[in-house]
Amino acid sequence: MDELTSVKILELIQQKAELEDEPIFTPKDVVNKLYEIIHAQKELKNIWVEGEVYNFKKNTQSGHIYFSLKDEHTNLECVYFLQNQVRDTLNGVEIKDGKIIRAFGDIRVYKKNGHCQLNVEKISDANSIGNILRKILATYKKLQDEGLFALERKKKIPEVPLNLGIATSDSGAALRDIIKVAKSRFPQINIYIAPCHVQGEKAKESIINAIKILNNPVYKIDVIIVGRGGGSFEDLIIFSEEDVVRAFADSTVPVVSAVGHQIDRPLCEYAADVVAITPTEAAQKCVPIIEEKKEKIEYYIKKIQSLLIYRLNFYKEKWHSISKRYIWKEPQNLFLDYYQYLDQLEDRLKRNFINLLKQKYFQLQVLEEKLKQLNPHAPLKRGYAYVTDKQNKIIKKGSEIKQKDKIFIHFLEDVVHAKVENIQKKE
């Protein structure tokens, strides 16, 4: 055996020894380890899981229930032992495939197959009162944070609305009550009705659409009453839907909430400009008793008239008192001093104006004399002349021309053409 073969054998023996030193798990070991890890996680205890029931089965002998909760991503196996069902009998929630429920319990590992599952202690309908209240509370917080319930957003109802809008069921008692009360208080008021569903699947879009219709400027609505004649908590849930609450808040016309329930307050009341307990109260808050308004107006008219008469009499007496004074017998005396003062001002103005003219005339003469001295033709009148070359440039000294150049001698009235014959410097 050569040396190279011996080395390779030693390497193989060493690798085998290293593999034998590493721990090797059985499936049971791994599942037990998973069980310990998951059992230690507090986040996986006492949790609610919501999903759609899938693969529902009930063991007829043991009474235990097996099902899965699924969503669009995955599914979670669940087991609902009989003893937990007995403790949760007051719940009364039916479990069946396709139903959305909430299950409460701990996540455990079933050691027989290594699957994670939810050991259910109790179940709840996803649409139970508690779940609905949690949803309403979340919506309330969201809209409050956006400022939809702020007092500064509230709009004031007109004191005497001429056009009243109503959004409610056209077959309910609420509509009849509102019309009856409104017409009894103000017979001339115009009423516009936008019929809508106030419960059921179509209610949300129907209420929102009715509010939008009554906000149309064509109708010139002054105030809108939205509501219904009371109902159970479930009946009023629609008035806590986010989109319905936003429709109340987004209305440009003042909105009165008249849901008609004093115990359970729907979110629409927080967004409304005014809240009424019943439709009848809503009509009373929106529509004044017109006769009372007339009486009030007549009262103010009489009060204004009496104040005017009082002020007129006051000034009349004051005028009589002033008119008896001496100055009013000969009022022209008031102006005598002013006439004299005006004459003095006139004389002063004339003198100042004449002096100013003289001063300006003297200044004008001085300027005229200066202009005469600066006039280039003035020396010509005294017999002087000036010389230019053929470019009409004035020649000031002999060095600017040379012999045989043509020059022009300018007198006052004539120009003499000449030719340079000789240039001689002065001594």
Protein backbone atom coordinates (compact mmCIF):
# COMPACT_ATOMS: atom_id res chain seq x y z
CA MET A 1 0.00 0.00 0.00
CA ASP A 2 1.57 3.25 -1.07
CA GLU A 3 1.73 6.38 1.08
CA LEU A 4 -1.00 8.28 -0.89
CA THR A 5 -3.57 5.50 -0.39
CA SER A 6 -2.83 5.44 3.34
CA VAL A 7 -3.51 9.19 3.64
CA LYS A 8 -6.92 8.88 1.88
CA ILE A 9 -7.96 6.02 4.18
CA LEU A 10 -7.06 8.11 7.23
CA GLU A 11 -9.14 11.07 5.90
CA LEU A 12 -12.21 8.83 5.38
CA ILE A 13 -11.89 7.44 8.91
CA GLN A 14 -11.66 10.96 10.34
CA GLN A 15 -14.79 12.19 8.40
CA LYS A 16 -16.80 9.16 9.60
CA ALA A 17 -15.77 9.85 13.19
CA GLU A 18 -16.88 13.51 12.88
CA LEU A 19 -20.32 12.45 11.52
CA GLU A 20 -20.79 10.04 14.39
CA ASP A 21 -20.10 12.90 16.89
CA GLU A 22 -23.01 15.13 15.48
CA PRO A 23 -26.47 14.61 17.13
CA ILE A 24 -29.09 12.83 15.05
CA PHE A 25 -32.82 13.51 15.79
CA THR A 26 -35.78 11.27 15.32
CA PRO A 27 -39.11 12.73 14.05
CA LYS A 28 -40.41 12.41 17.60
CA ASP A 29 -37.49 14.44 18.91
CA VAL A 30 -38.15 17.21 16.41
CA VAL A 31 -41.89 17.31 17.16
CA ASN A 32 -41.23 17.36 20.91
CA LYS A 33 -38.79 20.25 20.40
CA LEU A 34 -41.39 22.14 18.37
CA TYR A 35 -43.95 21.46 21.10
CA GLU A 36 -41.65 22.93 23.75
CA ILE A 37 -40.85 26.03 21.64
CA ILE A 38 -44.46 26.81 20.75
CA HIS A 39 -45.72 26.01 24.26
CA ALA A 40 -43.27 28.62 25.63
CA GLN A 41 -44.53 31.39 23.32
CA LYS A 42 -46.90 33.69 25.26
CA GLU A 43 -47.94 35.38 22.00
CA LEU A 44 -49.60 32.12 20.91
CA LYS A 45 -51.73 31.74 24.04
CA ASN A 46 -55.21 33.16 24.62
CA ILE A 47 -55.55 34.51 21.10
CA TRP A 48 -58.53 35.16 18.83
CA VAL A 49 -58.38 33.87 15.27
CA GLU A 50 -60.97 34.90 12.68
CA GLY A 51 -61.55 32.97 9.49
CA GLU A 52 -63.88 30.90 7.35
CA VAL A 53 -64.85 27.43 8.64
CA TYR A 54 -63.52 24.71 6.35
CA ASN A 55 -63.60 20.88 6.48
CA PHE A 56 -65.96 20.78 9.49
CA LYS A 57 -66.21 17.36 11.21
CA LYS A 58 -67.73 16.18 14.50
CA ASN A 59 -66.77 12.87 16.09
CA THR A 60 -70.09 11.27 16.96
CA GLN A 61 -68.56 9.12 19.73
CA SER A 62 -66.33 11.65 21.54
CA GLY A 63 -68.28 14.77 20.62
CA HIS A 64 -65.05 16.61 19.73
CA ILE A 65 -65.23 18.99 16.74
CA TYR A 66 -62.49 19.29 14.13
CA PHE A 67 -62.32 22.06 11.50
CA SER A 68 -59.99 24.55 9.85
CA LEU A 69 -60.09 28.34 9.74
CA LYS A 70 -58.92 29.69 6.41
CA ASP A 71 -58.35 33.01 4.70
CA GLU A 72 -57.03 33.89 1.24
CA HIS A 73 -53.47 32.92 2.25
CA THR A 74 -53.57 29.72 4.35
CA ASN A 75 -55.60 27.62 6.79
CA LEU A 76 -55.20 26.70 10.45
CA GLU A 77 -56.40 23.38 11.88
CA CYS A 78 -58.62 23.66 14.97
CA VAL A 79 -59.93 21.23 17.57
CA TYR A 80 -62.88 22.03 19.83
CA PHE A 81 -62.93 19.48 22.64
CA LEU A 82 -66.23 18.48 24.21
CA GLN A 83 -65.35 19.82 27.67
CA ASN A 84 -64.72 23.27 26.17
CA GLN A 85 -68.00 23.07 24.27
CA VAL A 86 -69.81 22.37 27.53
CA ARG A 87 -68.25 25.44 29.19
CA ASP A 88 -69.12 27.55 26.12
CA THR A 89 -72.77 26.48 25.80
CA LEU A 90 -74.08 30.01 26.42
CA ASN A 91 -72.47 31.17 23.21
CA GLY A 92 -74.90 29.35 20.93
CA VAL A 93 -72.84 29.96 17.78
CA GLU A 94 -73.42 27.46 15.00
CA ILE A 95 -70.27 26.10 13.30
CA LYS A 96 -70.58 25.08 9.67
CA ASP A 97 -68.51 25.19 6.49
CA GLY A 98 -68.36 28.61 4.86
CA LYS A 99 -69.30 30.58 7.99
CA ILE A 100 -67.02 33.32 9.33
CA ILE A 101 -66.33 32.84 13.04
CA ARG A 102 -63.81 33.81 15.69
CA ALA A 103 -62.14 31.11 17.78
CA PHE A 104 -60.30 31.70 21.07
CA GLY A 105 -57.61 29.42 22.50
CA ASP A 106 -53.94 28.38 22.44
CA ILE A 107 -51.70 27.18 19.63
CA ARG A 108 -50.46 23.67 20.27
CA VAL A 109 -48.49 20.98 18.41
CA TYR A 110 -50.32 17.67 17.93
CA LYS A 111 -47.51 15.21 18.55
CA LYS A 112 -49.05 12.38 16.53
CA ASN A 113 -48.57 14.18 13.19
CA GLY A 114 -46.49 17.23 14.13
CA HIS A 115 -49.24 19.66 12.99
CA CYS A 116 -49.81 23.04 14.63
CA GLN A 117 -53.44 23.54 15.65
CA LEU A 118 -55.62 25.87 17.66
CA ASN A 119 -57.08 24.27 20.78
CA VAL A 120 -60.37 26.14 20.90
CA GLU A 121 -61.78 27.16 24.27
CA LYS A 122 -64.67 29.28 22.98
CA ILE A 123 -66.05 30.63 19.75
CA SER A 124 -67.82 33.80 18.73
CA ASP A 125 -69.81 34.91 15.73
CA ALA A 126 -67.75 37.39 13.69
CA ASN A 127 -70.88 39.53 13.53
CA SER A 128 -71.64 39.33 17.23
CA ILE A 129 -72.50 42.42 19.26
CA GLY A 130 -69.05 42.53 20.81
CA ASN A 131 -67.30 42.36 17.44
CA ILE A 132 -69.62 44.98 15.98
CA LEU A 133 -68.96 47.30 18.92
CA ARG A 134 -65.21 46.88 18.44
CA LYS A 135 -65.59 47.77 14.77
CA ILE A 136 -67.74 50.80 15.60
CA LEU A 137 -65.19 51.95 18.18
CA ALA A 138 -62.37 51.63 15.62
CA THR A 139 -64.40 53.64 13.09
CA TYR A 140 -65.15 56.29 15.71
CA LYS A 141 -61.46 56.70 16.58
CA LYS A 142 -60.47 56.88 12.90
CA LEU A 143 -63.02 59.56 12.02
CA GLN A 144 -62.38 61.50 15.22
CA ASP A 145 -58.65 61.60 14.41
CA GLU A 146 -59.57 63.01 10.98
CA GLY A 147 -61.54 65.81 12.69
CA LEU A 148 -64.95 64.84 11.28
CA PHE A 149 -66.58 65.28 14.69
CA ALA A 150 -65.00 68.66 15.49
CA LEU A 151 -67.37 71.35 16.78
CA GLU A 152 -66.02 73.94 14.34
CA ARG A 153 -67.40 71.83 11.47
CA LYS A 154 -70.98 72.11 12.76
CA LYS A 155 -73.29 74.19 10.59
CA LYS A 156 -76.10 76.33 12.00
CA ILE A 157 -79.72 75.66 11.08
CA PRO A 158 -81.44 78.69 9.48
CA GLU A 159 -83.85 80.42 11.85
CA VAL A 160 -86.67 80.22 9.30
CA PRO A 161 -85.94 77.51 6.69
CA LEU A 162 -88.08 77.73 3.58
CA ASN A 163 -87.13 74.33 2.09
CA LEU A 164 -86.92 71.21 4.26
CA GLY A 165 -85.31 67.98 2.98
CA ILE A 166 -86.18 64.56 4.44
CA ALA A 167 -84.19 61.34 3.90
CA THR A 168 -86.04 58.36 5.37
CA SER A 169 -88.31 55.48 4.42
CA ASP A 170 -91.35 56.64 2.47
CA SER A 171 -93.52 54.03 4.21
CA GLY A 172 -92.47 54.61 7.81
CA ALA A 173 -94.15 56.56 10.59
CA ALA A 174 -91.09 58.81 10.85
CA LEU A 175 -91.89 60.53 7.54
CA ARG A 176 -95.52 61.13 8.51
CA ASP A 177 -94.51 62.54 11.90
CA ILE A 178 -91.98 64.97 10.38
CA ILE A 179 -94.41 66.26 7.75
CA LYS A 180 -97.25 66.60 10.27
CA VAL A 181 -95.16 68.56 12.77
CA ALA A 182 -93.45 70.72 10.12
CA LYS A 183 -96.72 71.72 8.42
CA SER A 184 -98.45 72.41 11.74
CA ARG A 185 -95.66 74.82 12.72
CA PHE A 186 -95.06 76.42 9.31
CA PRO A 187 -97.80 75.62 6.74
CA GLN A 188 -95.97 77.44 3.92
CA ILE A 189 -92.72 75.43 4.21
CA ASN A 190 -91.66 73.43 1.13
CA ILE A 191 -90.84 69.78 1.86
CA TYR A 192 -88.59 67.69 -0.41
CA ILE A 193 -88.51 63.93 0.23
CA ALA A 194 -85.66 61.63 -0.86
CA PRO A 195 -86.97 58.12 -0.01
CA CYS A 196 -84.33 55.65 1.12
CA HIS A 197 -83.92 52.28 2.82
CA VAL A 198 -83.02 52.64 6.49
CA GLN A 199 -82.11 48.98 7.14
CA GLY A 200 -81.00 46.00 5.15
CA GLU A 201 -78.31 45.45 2.52
CA LYS A 202 -79.38 48.39 0.33
CA ALA A 203 -79.59 50.87 3.20
CA LYS A 204 -76.01 52.19 3.10
CA GLU A 205 -75.96 53.26 -0.54
CA SER A 206 -79.58 54.39 -0.33
CA ILE A 207 -78.97 56.77 2.60
CA ILE A 208 -75.78 58.18 1.05
CA ASN A 209 -77.55 58.77 -2.29
CA ALA A 210 -80.53 60.48 -0.59
CA ILE A 211 -78.22 62.94 1.21
CA LYS A 212 -76.42 63.69 -2.08
CA ILE A 213 -79.74 64.34 -3.85
CA LEU A 214 -80.89 66.78 -1.17
CA ASN A 215 -77.53 68.60 -1.44
CA ASN A 216 -78.27 69.43 -5.09
CA PRO A 217 -78.29 73.27 -5.34
CA VAL A 218 -81.29 73.08 -7.66
CA TYR A 219 -83.58 72.33 -4.71
CA LYS A 220 -82.15 75.09 -2.47
CA ILE A 221 -82.61 72.93 0.64
CA ASP A 222 -82.02 74.84 3.90
CA VAL A 223 -81.83 71.85 6.27
CA ILE A 224 -81.98 68.04 5.96
CA ILE A 225 -83.50 65.55 8.42
CA VAL A 226 -82.07 62.02 8.13
CA GLY A 227 -83.31 59.15 10.27
CA ARG A 228 -85.87 56.54 11.16
CA GLY A 229 -88.37 55.79 13.89
CA GLY A 230 -86.13 53.98 16.36
CA GLY A 231 -85.29 50.27 16.26
CA SER A 232 -83.01 47.69 17.84
CA PHE A 233 -79.25 47.94 18.07
CA GLU A 234 -78.93 45.77 14.95
CA ASP A 235 -81.36 48.04 13.06
CA LEU A 236 -79.23 51.09 13.82
CA ILE A 237 -75.85 49.61 12.87
CA ILE A 238 -76.17 51.06 9.35
CA PHE A 239 -75.99 54.58 10.80
CA SER A 240 -72.53 53.78 12.21
CA GLU A 241 -71.12 52.63 8.85
CA GLU A 242 -68.09 54.74 7.90
CA ASP A 243 -69.43 55.76 4.48
CA VAL A 244 -72.79 56.83 5.94
CA VAL A 245 -71.10 58.88 8.68
CA ARG A 246 -68.91 60.56 6.05
CA ALA A 247 -72.03 61.44 4.02
CA PHE A 248 -73.41 63.26 7.10
CA ALA A 249 -70.12 65.12 7.59
CA ASP A 250 -69.63 66.00 3.90
CA SER A 251 -73.09 67.51 3.45
CA THR A 252 -72.94 71.22 2.58
CA VAL A 253 -76.48 71.60 3.89
CA PRO A 254 -77.00 71.35 7.69
CA VAL A 255 -78.01 67.80 8.65
CA VAL A 256 -80.15 66.77 11.62
CA SER A 257 -79.78 63.16 12.82
CA ALA A 258 -83.15 61.72 13.87
CA VAL A 259 -82.46 58.02 14.29
CA GLY A 260 -84.86 57.81 17.21
CA HIS A 261 -82.90 55.87 19.80
CA GLN A 262 -81.74 57.26 23.11
CA ILE A 263 -79.65 54.36 24.49
CA ASP A 264 -77.46 53.31 21.56
CA ARG A 265 -75.92 56.35 19.92
CA PRO A 266 -74.91 55.72 16.28
CA LEU A 267 -71.80 57.44 14.88
CA CYS A 268 -73.85 59.55 12.47
CA GLU A 269 -74.93 61.68 15.45
CA TYR A 270 -71.31 62.72 16.05
CA ALA A 271 -71.02 63.92 12.44
CA ALA A 272 -74.47 65.55 12.25
CA ASP A 273 -74.85 69.28 12.85
CA VAL A 274 -77.82 68.77 15.20
CA VAL A 275 -79.06 65.65 17.00
CA ALA A 276 -82.70 64.86 17.77
CA ILE A 277 -83.98 61.93 19.83
CA THR A 278 -86.99 61.35 17.60
CA PRO A 279 -88.14 62.45 14.13
CA THR A 280 -90.79 64.60 15.81
CA GLU A 281 -88.14 66.43 17.84
CA ALA A 282 -86.08 66.87 14.65
CA ALA A 283 -89.01 68.62 12.97
CA GLN A 284 -89.46 70.83 16.05
CA LYS A 285 -85.78 71.79 16.02
CA CYS A 286 -85.75 72.55 12.29
CA VAL A 287 -89.11 74.26 11.76
CA PRO A 288 -90.15 77.21 13.93
CA ILE A 289 -93.73 78.02 14.89
CA ILE A 290 -94.27 80.70 12.29
CA GLU A 291 -96.92 82.53 14.31
CA GLU A 292 -94.45 82.95 17.15
CA LYS A 293 -91.93 84.35 14.68
CA LYS A 294 -94.55 86.78 13.37
CA GLU A 295 -95.38 87.91 16.89
CA LYS A 296 -91.70 88.36 17.61
CA ILE A 297 -91.20 90.40 14.43
CA GLU A 298 -94.24 92.57 15.26
CA TYR A 299 -92.85 93.12 18.75
CA TYR A 300 -89.50 94.30 17.36
CA ILE A 301 -91.25 96.51 14.79
CA LYS A 302 -93.24 98.23 17.55
CA LYS A 303 -90.10 98.56 19.66
CA ILE A 304 -88.20 100.16 16.76
CA GLN A 305 -91.12 102.50 16.07
CA SER A 306 -91.25 103.63 19.70
CA LEU A 307 -87.49 104.21 19.70
CA LEU A 308 -87.74 106.24 16.49
CA ILE A 309 -90.58 108.35 17.90
CA TYR A 310 -88.59 108.95 21.07
CA ARG A 311 -85.50 110.02 19.12
CA LEU A 312 -87.55 112.25 16.83
CA ASN A 313 -89.16 113.99 19.79
CA PHE A 314 -85.77 114.39 21.43
CA TYR A 315 -84.24 116.09 18.40
CA LYS A 316 -87.37 118.13 17.83
CA GLU A 317 -87.13 119.60 21.32
CA LYS A 318 -83.43 120.17 20.87
CA TRP A 319 -84.09 122.01 17.60
CA HIS A 320 -86.67 124.24 19.25
CA SER A 321 -84.17 125.07 21.97
CA ILE A 322 -81.44 125.95 19.47
CA SER A 323 -83.75 127.92 17.21
CA LYS A 324 -84.55 130.36 20.02
CA ARG A 325 -80.93 131.51 20.24
CA TYR A 326 -79.94 134.96 18.98
CA ILE A 327 -77.71 133.68 16.22
CA TRP A 328 -80.59 131.97 14.47
CA LYS A 329 -82.56 135.21 14.31
CA GLU A 330 -79.80 136.88 12.26
CA PRO A 331 -77.70 133.98 10.95
CA GLN A 332 -75.87 136.23 8.46
CA ASN A 333 -73.86 137.66 11.38
CA LEU A 334 -72.06 134.35 11.58
CA PHE A 335 -70.35 135.08 8.24
CA LEU A 336 -69.38 138.75 8.61
CA ASP A 337 -65.95 138.04 10.09
CA TYR A 338 -65.35 135.39 7.47
CA TYR A 339 -66.22 137.83 4.67
CA GLN A 340 -63.64 140.32 5.97
CA TYR A 341 -61.00 137.63 6.42
CA LEU A 342 -61.68 136.42 2.88
CA ASP A 343 -61.09 139.93 1.48
CA GLN A 344 -57.77 140.13 3.31
CA LEU A 345 -56.71 136.83 1.89
CA GLU A 346 -57.66 137.99 -1.60
CA ASP A 347 -55.53 141.18 -1.30
CA ARG A 348 -52.59 139.21 0.03
CA LEU A 349 -52.88 136.72 -2.80
CA LYS A 350 -52.88 139.48 -5.44
CA ARG A 351 -49.77 141.13 -3.97
CA ASN A 352 -47.90 137.88 -3.76
CA PHE A 353 -48.86 136.98 -7.29
CA ILE A 354 -47.65 140.34 -8.70
CA ASN A 355 -44.35 140.07 -6.83
CA LEU A 356 -43.89 136.58 -8.14
CA LEU A 357 -44.49 137.73 -11.72
CA LYS A 358 -41.95 140.54 -11.37
CA GLN A 359 -39.36 138.16 -9.98
CA LYS A 360 -39.88 135.66 -12.78
CA TYR A 361 -39.76 138.44 -15.42
CA PHE A 362 -36.40 139.64 -14.12
CA GLN A 363 -35.04 136.08 -14.16
CA LEU A 364 -36.28 135.71 -17.72
CA GLN A 365 -34.41 138.87 -18.84
CA VAL A 366 -31.16 137.62 -17.28
CA LEU A 367 -31.51 134.29 -19.09
CA GLU A 368 -32.28 136.04 -22.36
CA GLU A 369 -29.09 138.13 -22.08
CA LYS A 370 -27.04 135.00 -21.43
CA LEU A 371 -28.56 133.32 -24.45
CA LYS A 372 -27.66 136.29 -26.62
CA GLN A 373 -24.06 136.08 -25.49
CA LEU A 374 -23.97 132.39 -26.24
CA ASN A 375 -25.52 132.83 -29.70
CA PRO A 376 -22.81 131.93 -32.28
CA HIS A 377 -24.13 134.56 -34.71
CA ALA A 378 -23.61 137.42 -32.28
CA PRO A 379 -19.85 137.84 -33.11
CA LEU A 380 -20.71 137.78 -36.84
CA LYS A 381 -22.86 140.85 -36.39
CA ARG A 382 -19.78 142.63 -35.04
CA GLY A 383 -17.77 141.79 -38.20
CA TYR A 384 -16.21 138.55 -37.16
CA ALA A 385 -16.20 135.38 -39.29
CA TYR A 386 -15.39 131.68 -38.82
CA VAL A 387 -13.68 129.23 -41.18
CA THR A 388 -14.69 125.61 -42.00
CA ASP A 389 -13.25 122.90 -44.22
CA LYS A 390 -15.16 121.01 -46.90
CA GLN A 391 -16.64 118.70 -44.23
CA ASN A 392 -18.10 121.81 -42.57
CA LYS A 393 -15.78 121.32 -39.59
CA ILE A 394 -14.72 124.57 -37.87
CA ILE A 395 -11.01 125.29 -38.27
CA LYS A 396 -9.53 126.64 -35.05
CA LYS A 397 -5.79 126.74 -36.01
CA GLY A 398 -3.58 126.61 -39.09
CA SER A 399 -2.18 123.18 -38.31
CA GLU A 400 -5.58 121.70 -39.13
CA ILE A 401 -5.22 122.61 -42.85
CA LYS A 402 -2.53 122.60 -45.48
CA GLN A 403 -1.74 124.43 -48.73
CA LYS A 404 -4.22 124.17 -51.57
CA ASP A 405 -7.01 123.03 -49.21
CA LYS A 406 -10.39 124.53 -49.91
CA ILE A 407 -11.78 126.53 -47.04
CA PHE A 408 -15.02 128.39 -46.45
CA ILE A 409 -15.19 131.75 -44.69
CA HIS A 410 -18.55 132.36 -43.04
CA PHE A 411 -19.82 135.91 -42.56
CA LEU A 412 -23.19 136.88 -41.15
CA GLU A 413 -24.98 136.73 -44.50
CA ASP A 414 -22.37 135.24 -46.95
CA VAL A 415 -19.93 132.36 -47.32
CA VAL A 416 -16.66 132.99 -49.20
CA HIS A 417 -14.95 130.04 -50.93
CA ALA A 418 -11.15 130.26 -50.74
CA LYS A 419 -8.01 128.25 -51.32
CA VAL A 420 -5.02 128.12 -48.98
CA GLU A 421 -1.87 129.47 -50.60
CA ASN A 422 0.37 129.86 -47.60
CA ILE A 423 0.27 129.13 -43.84
CA GLN A 424 2.29 131.43 -41.66
CA LYS A 425 2.63 131.16 -37.88
CA LYS A 426 2.39 134.24 -35.73
CA GLU A 427 5.50 135.41 -34.04
